[in-house]
Amino acid sequence: MIYLLHFFAILMIAAGINHLINPKFYNQMIPRGINRRFANVSSGFIEIVIGIALIWPVYRSLGGLAVFVLMIAFLPLHIWDFLKDKPAFISKKIAFIRIIIQFVLIYYGWWIWISY
């Protein structure tokens, strides 16, 4: 199970880095009225810190709590994207699958938090 946790941590770090180097991908998911640069930089930084926390055993539980909270915070954005005529995730079907994945990640964050 630790390999899955480390894999997820690496994915979080990679997603955080991607927010910083490829912000255009995420811009279409950010609602109007929210500063896109701030949203990308802050999300990227937070995801990188969470990924590092998940790798570092002493901070792993806190990292799990952070995943849980962050995934809940991102859930409305994914629902909003799904409800658009043209979702950022290519199609309505993929946008819907992304919402399901979001619930899995919320559970996974909770599981890490209580398990470590």
N, C-alpha and C. Protein backbone atom coordinates (compact mmCIF):
# COMPACT_ATOMS: atom_id res chain seq x y z
N MET A 1 0.82 -1.20 0.00
CA MET A 1 0.00 0.00 0.00
C MET A 1 0.87 1.26 0.00
N ILE A 2 2.07 1.16 0.55
CA ILE A 2 2.96 2.32 0.60
C ILE A 2 3.38 2.74 -0.81
N TYR A 3 3.46 1.76 -1.74
CA TYR A 3 3.83 2.09 -3.11
C TYR A 3 2.73 2.94 -3.78
N LEU A 4 1.49 2.59 -3.51
CA LEU A 4 0.37 3.39 -4.02
C LEU A 4 0.41 4.80 -3.44
N LEU A 5 0.70 4.89 -2.17
CA LEU A 5 0.79 6.20 -1.51
C LEU A 5 1.92 7.03 -2.12
N HIS A 6 3.07 6.44 -2.34
CA HIS A 6 4.19 7.16 -2.95
C HIS A 6 3.88 7.54 -4.40
N PHE A 7 3.22 6.65 -5.12
CA PHE A 7 2.80 6.96 -6.49
C PHE A 7 1.85 8.16 -6.50
N PHE A 8 0.90 8.15 -5.58
CA PHE A 8 -0.04 9.26 -5.47
C PHE A 8 0.68 10.55 -5.10
N ALA A 9 1.66 10.46 -4.20
CA ALA A 9 2.44 11.64 -3.81
C ALA A 9 3.18 12.21 -5.01
N ILE A 10 3.75 11.34 -5.82
CA ILE A 10 4.45 11.79 -7.02
C ILE A 10 3.47 12.44 -8.00
N LEU A 11 2.28 11.86 -8.13
CA LEU A 11 1.25 12.46 -8.99
C LEU A 11 0.87 13.86 -8.49
N MET A 12 0.75 14.01 -7.17
CA MET A 12 0.42 15.33 -6.61
C MET A 12 1.52 16.34 -6.93
N ILE A 13 2.77 15.92 -6.75
CA ILE A 13 3.89 16.82 -7.05
C ILE A 13 3.90 17.17 -8.54
N ALA A 14 3.70 16.17 -9.39
CA ALA A 14 3.68 16.41 -10.84
C ALA A 14 2.54 17.34 -11.23
N ALA A 15 1.36 17.15 -10.62
CA ALA A 15 0.22 18.03 -10.91
C ALA A 15 0.53 19.46 -10.46
N GLY A 16 1.17 19.58 -9.31
CA GLY A 16 1.55 20.91 -8.82
C GLY A 16 2.52 21.60 -9.76
N ILE A 17 3.50 20.86 -10.22
CA ILE A 17 4.48 21.42 -11.17
C ILE A 17 3.77 21.79 -12.47
N ASN A 18 2.83 20.94 -12.89
CA ASN A 18 2.11 21.21 -14.13
C ASN A 18 1.28 22.50 -14.02
N HIS A 19 0.73 22.78 -12.84
CA HIS A 19 0.01 24.04 -12.63
C HIS A 19 0.93 25.23 -12.91
N LEU A 20 2.19 25.07 -12.57
CA LEU A 20 3.13 26.18 -12.71
C LEU A 20 3.68 26.31 -14.13
N ILE A 21 3.86 25.18 -14.82
CA ILE A 21 4.47 25.26 -16.16
C ILE A 21 3.45 25.21 -17.30
N ASN A 22 2.23 24.77 -17.01
CA ASN A 22 1.20 24.66 -18.04
C ASN A 22 -0.13 25.22 -17.51
N PRO A 23 -0.15 26.47 -17.08
CA PRO A 23 -1.38 27.01 -16.47
C PRO A 23 -2.55 27.10 -17.45
N LYS A 24 -2.28 27.20 -18.74
CA LYS A 24 -3.37 27.33 -19.72
C LYS A 24 -4.33 26.14 -19.67
N PHE A 25 -3.80 24.96 -19.37
CA PHE A 25 -4.65 23.78 -19.27
C PHE A 25 -5.71 23.96 -18.18
N TYR A 26 -5.32 24.56 -17.06
CA TYR A 26 -6.22 24.70 -15.92
C TYR A 26 -7.10 25.94 -16.02
N ASN A 27 -6.68 26.93 -16.82
CA ASN A 27 -7.42 28.19 -16.89
C ASN A 27 -8.88 27.99 -17.27
N GLN A 28 -9.16 27.06 -18.15
CA GLN A 28 -10.54 26.85 -18.58
C GLN A 28 -11.42 26.24 -17.49
N MET A 29 -10.80 25.73 -16.42
CA MET A 29 -11.57 25.17 -15.30
C MET A 29 -11.78 26.19 -14.19
N ILE A 30 -11.12 27.33 -14.29
CA ILE A 30 -11.21 28.34 -13.23
C ILE A 30 -12.33 29.31 -13.59
N PRO A 31 -13.33 29.43 -12.71
CA PRO A 31 -14.46 30.32 -13.00
C PRO A 31 -14.01 31.79 -13.14
N ARG A 32 -14.76 32.53 -13.93
CA ARG A 32 -14.49 33.96 -14.07
C ARG A 32 -14.62 34.62 -12.71
N GLY A 33 -13.83 35.65 -12.51
CA GLY A 33 -13.85 36.36 -11.24
C GLY A 33 -12.76 35.89 -10.29
N ILE A 34 -12.16 34.76 -10.60
CA ILE A 34 -11.03 34.25 -9.80
C ILE A 34 -9.77 34.51 -10.60
N ASN A 35 -8.79 35.13 -9.95
CA ASN A 35 -7.53 35.42 -10.61
C ASN A 35 -6.86 34.11 -11.01
N ARG A 36 -6.72 33.90 -12.30
CA ARG A 36 -6.21 32.62 -12.81
C ARG A 36 -4.75 32.38 -12.43
N ARG A 37 -3.96 33.41 -12.49
CA ARG A 37 -2.55 33.24 -12.13
C ARG A 37 -2.41 32.85 -10.66
N PHE A 38 -3.13 33.56 -9.79
CA PHE A 38 -3.09 33.24 -8.37
C PHE A 38 -3.60 31.82 -8.12
N ALA A 39 -4.70 31.45 -8.78
CA ALA A 39 -5.27 30.11 -8.59
C ALA A 39 -4.29 29.03 -9.01
N ASN A 40 -3.62 29.22 -10.14
CA ASN A 40 -2.66 28.23 -10.62
C ASN A 40 -1.43 28.13 -9.72
N VAL A 41 -0.87 29.27 -9.36
CA VAL A 41 0.34 29.27 -8.52
C VAL A 41 0.02 28.69 -7.15
N SER A 42 -1.08 29.13 -6.54
CA SER A 42 -1.40 28.64 -5.19
C SER A 42 -1.75 27.15 -5.23
N SER A 43 -2.54 26.72 -6.21
CA SER A 43 -2.88 25.29 -6.33
C SER A 43 -1.63 24.46 -6.56
N GLY A 44 -0.76 24.93 -7.44
CA GLY A 44 0.48 24.21 -7.72
C GLY A 44 1.34 24.07 -6.49
N PHE A 45 1.52 25.16 -5.77
CA PHE A 45 2.33 25.14 -4.55
C PHE A 45 1.72 24.19 -3.52
N ILE A 46 0.43 24.29 -3.32
CA ILE A 46 -0.25 23.44 -2.33
C ILE A 46 -0.12 21.96 -2.71
N GLU A 47 -0.30 21.63 -3.97
CA GLU A 47 -0.18 20.24 -4.39
C GLU A 47 1.23 19.70 -4.21
N ILE A 48 2.23 20.52 -4.48
CA ILE A 48 3.62 20.10 -4.28
C ILE A 48 3.88 19.85 -2.79
N VAL A 49 3.44 20.75 -1.94
CA VAL A 49 3.64 20.59 -0.49
C VAL A 49 2.92 19.34 0.01
N ILE A 50 1.70 19.11 -0.46
CA ILE A 50 0.96 17.91 -0.05
C ILE A 50 1.70 16.65 -0.50
N GLY A 51 2.18 16.63 -1.73
CA GLY A 51 2.92 15.47 -2.22
C GLY A 51 4.15 15.18 -1.36
N ILE A 52 4.88 16.22 -0.99
CA ILE A 52 6.05 16.04 -0.12
C ILE A 52 5.62 15.53 1.25
N ALA A 53 4.53 16.07 1.79
CA ALA A 53 4.03 15.62 3.10
C ALA A 53 3.65 14.14 3.07
N LEU A 54 3.09 13.69 1.96
CA LEU A 54 2.70 12.28 1.87
C LEU A 54 3.90 11.35 1.83
N ILE A 55 5.01 11.82 1.31
CA ILE A 55 6.22 11.01 1.27
C ILE A 55 6.91 10.98 2.62
N TRP A 56 6.88 12.09 3.32
CA TRP A 56 7.58 12.23 4.60
C TRP A 56 6.71 11.64 5.72
N PRO A 57 7.09 10.50 6.31
CA PRO A 57 6.22 9.78 7.25
C PRO A 57 5.68 10.63 8.41
N VAL A 58 6.47 11.52 8.94
CA VAL A 58 6.01 12.29 10.10
C VAL A 58 4.86 13.24 9.73
N TYR A 59 4.75 13.60 8.45
CA TYR A 59 3.70 14.52 8.00
C TYR A 59 2.61 13.82 7.17
N ARG A 60 2.69 12.51 7.06
CA ARG A 60 1.80 11.77 6.17
C ARG A 60 0.32 11.94 6.55
N SER A 61 0.00 11.84 7.82
CA SER A 61 -1.39 12.00 8.24
C SER A 61 -1.91 13.40 7.90
N LEU A 62 -1.11 14.40 8.17
CA LEU A 62 -1.48 15.77 7.83
C LEU A 62 -1.63 15.94 6.32
N GLY A 63 -0.76 15.27 5.56
CA GLY A 63 -0.88 15.29 4.11
C GLY A 63 -2.18 14.66 3.65
N GLY A 64 -2.59 13.57 4.31
CA GLY A 64 -3.88 12.95 3.99
C GLY A 64 -5.04 13.89 4.26
N LEU A 65 -4.99 14.58 5.39
CA LEU A 65 -6.02 15.57 5.71
C LEU A 65 -6.04 16.68 4.65
N ALA A 66 -4.87 17.10 4.22
CA ALA A 66 -4.78 18.15 3.20
C ALA A 66 -5.35 17.67 1.87
N VAL A 67 -5.09 16.42 1.50
CA VAL A 67 -5.67 15.85 0.28
C VAL A 67 -7.20 15.86 0.40
N PHE A 68 -7.69 15.40 1.52
CA PHE A 68 -9.13 15.34 1.79
C PHE A 68 -9.76 16.73 1.61
N VAL A 69 -9.19 17.74 2.23
CA VAL A 69 -9.72 19.10 2.16
C VAL A 69 -9.59 19.68 0.75
N LEU A 70 -8.43 19.49 0.13
CA LEU A 70 -8.21 20.03 -1.21
C LEU A 70 -9.15 19.41 -2.23
N MET A 71 -9.36 18.11 -2.15
CA MET A 71 -10.24 17.45 -3.10
C MET A 71 -11.70 17.88 -2.90
N ILE A 72 -12.09 18.14 -1.66
CA ILE A 72 -13.43 18.70 -1.41
C ILE A 72 -13.52 20.10 -1.99
N ALA A 73 -12.45 20.88 -1.84
CA ALA A 73 -12.44 22.25 -2.37
C ALA A 73 -12.51 22.25 -3.90
N PHE A 74 -11.88 21.27 -4.54
CA PHE A 74 -11.88 21.20 -6.00
C PHE A 74 -13.18 20.62 -6.57
N LEU A 75 -13.94 19.90 -5.76
CA LEU A 75 -15.16 19.24 -6.23
C LEU A 75 -16.13 20.21 -6.91
N PRO A 76 -16.44 21.37 -6.33
CA PRO A 76 -17.37 22.28 -7.02
C PRO A 76 -16.85 22.73 -8.39
N LEU A 77 -15.55 22.87 -8.53
CA LEU A 77 -14.99 23.26 -9.84
C LEU A 77 -15.23 22.18 -10.88
N HIS A 78 -15.11 20.92 -10.47
CA HIS A 78 -15.33 19.82 -11.41
C HIS A 78 -16.82 19.68 -11.75
N ILE A 79 -17.67 19.93 -10.77
CA ILE A 79 -19.11 19.90 -11.05
C ILE A 79 -19.46 21.06 -11.99
N TRP A 80 -18.92 22.24 -11.72
CA TRP A 80 -19.15 23.40 -12.57
C TRP A 80 -18.68 23.10 -14.00
N ASP A 81 -17.52 22.48 -14.13
CA ASP A 81 -17.00 22.14 -15.45
C ASP A 81 -17.94 21.17 -16.16
N PHE A 82 -18.44 20.17 -15.44
CA PHE A 82 -19.36 19.19 -16.02
C PHE A 82 -20.64 19.87 -16.53
N LEU A 83 -21.10 20.87 -15.83
CA LEU A 83 -22.36 21.53 -16.18
C LEU A 83 -22.23 22.50 -17.36
N LYS A 84 -20.98 22.83 -17.75
CA LYS A 84 -20.78 23.72 -18.90
C LYS A 84 -21.16 22.99 -20.19
N ASP A 85 -21.50 23.79 -21.21
CA ASP A 85 -21.82 23.19 -22.52
C ASP A 85 -20.63 22.43 -23.10
N LYS A 86 -19.43 23.00 -22.91
CA LYS A 86 -18.22 22.37 -23.42
C LYS A 86 -17.22 22.26 -22.26
N PRO A 87 -17.21 21.11 -21.56
CA PRO A 87 -16.30 20.95 -20.42
C PRO A 87 -14.83 20.98 -20.82
N ALA A 88 -14.00 21.37 -19.88
CA ALA A 88 -12.55 21.38 -20.11
C ALA A 88 -12.03 19.96 -20.30
N PHE A 89 -12.69 18.98 -19.69
CA PHE A 89 -12.28 17.58 -19.81
C PHE A 89 -12.88 16.92 -21.05
N ILE A 90 -12.79 17.59 -22.18
CA ILE A 90 -13.09 17.07 -23.51
C ILE A 90 -14.57 16.76 -23.76
N SER A 91 -15.19 16.00 -22.89
CA SER A 91 -16.59 15.64 -23.10
C SER A 91 -17.32 15.57 -21.77
N LYS A 92 -18.64 15.56 -21.84
CA LYS A 92 -19.46 15.42 -20.63
C LYS A 92 -19.15 14.11 -19.92
N LYS A 93 -18.98 13.04 -20.69
CA LYS A 93 -18.71 11.73 -20.10
C LYS A 93 -17.41 11.74 -19.31
N ILE A 94 -16.36 12.29 -19.88
CA ILE A 94 -15.07 12.36 -19.18
C ILE A 94 -15.16 13.29 -17.98
N ALA A 95 -15.88 14.40 -18.11
CA ALA A 95 -16.07 15.32 -16.99
C ALA A 95 -16.82 14.62 -15.85
N PHE A 96 -17.80 13.78 -16.20
CA PHE A 96 -18.54 13.03 -15.18
C PHE A 96 -17.64 12.01 -14.49
N ILE A 97 -16.84 11.31 -15.28
CA ILE A 97 -15.88 10.35 -14.71
C ILE A 97 -14.92 11.07 -13.77
N ARG A 98 -14.52 12.29 -14.13
CA ARG A 98 -13.62 13.08 -13.28
C ARG A 98 -14.27 13.39 -11.93
N ILE A 99 -15.56 13.61 -11.90
CA ILE A 99 -16.27 13.84 -10.64
C ILE A 99 -16.24 12.57 -9.79
N ILE A 100 -16.45 11.43 -10.40
CA ILE A 100 -16.39 10.16 -9.67
C ILE A 100 -14.99 9.97 -9.09
N ILE A 101 -13.97 10.24 -9.90
CA ILE A 101 -12.59 10.14 -9.42
C ILE A 101 -12.37 11.08 -8.25
N GLN A 102 -12.97 12.27 -8.31
CA GLN A 102 -12.83 13.23 -7.22
C GLN A 102 -13.33 12.65 -5.90
N PHE A 103 -14.47 11.94 -5.94
CA PHE A 103 -14.97 11.31 -4.72
C PHE A 103 -14.03 10.21 -4.22
N VAL A 104 -13.43 9.47 -5.15
CA VAL A 104 -12.44 8.45 -4.76
C VAL A 104 -11.24 9.12 -4.08
N LEU A 105 -10.78 10.25 -4.62
CA LEU A 105 -9.65 10.96 -4.02
C LEU A 105 -10.00 11.56 -2.66
N ILE A 106 -11.24 12.01 -2.50
CA ILE A 106 -11.68 12.50 -1.19
C ILE A 106 -11.60 11.36 -0.18
N TYR A 107 -12.11 10.20 -0.56
CA TYR A 107 -12.04 9.04 0.33
C TYR A 107 -10.59 8.65 0.62
N TYR A 108 -9.76 8.65 -0.42
CA TYR A 108 -8.35 8.27 -0.24
C TYR A 108 -7.64 9.22 0.72
N GLY A 109 -7.89 10.51 0.59
CA GLY A 109 -7.31 11.48 1.52
C GLY A 109 -7.76 11.21 2.94
N TRP A 110 -9.05 10.93 3.11
CA TRP A 110 -9.57 10.61 4.44
C TRP A 110 -8.91 9.35 4.97
N TRP A 111 -8.78 8.32 4.13
CA TRP A 111 -8.17 7.06 4.55
C TRP A 111 -6.71 7.27 4.98
N ILE A 112 -5.95 8.04 4.24
CA ILE A 112 -4.56 8.33 4.62
C ILE A 112 -4.54 9.03 5.96
N TRP A 113 -5.42 10.01 6.13
CA TRP A 113 -5.46 10.80 7.36
C TRP A 113 -5.70 9.91 8.58
N ILE A 114 -6.66 9.01 8.49
CA ILE A 114 -6.97 8.18 9.67
C ILE A 114 -6.02 7.00 9.82
N SER A 115 -5.34 6.61 8.74
CA SER A 115 -4.48 5.42 8.79
C SER A 115 -3.07 5.70 9.25
N TYR A 116 -2.62 6.94 9.13
CA TYR A 116 -1.24 7.24 9.47
C TYR A 116 -1.23 8.22 10.62
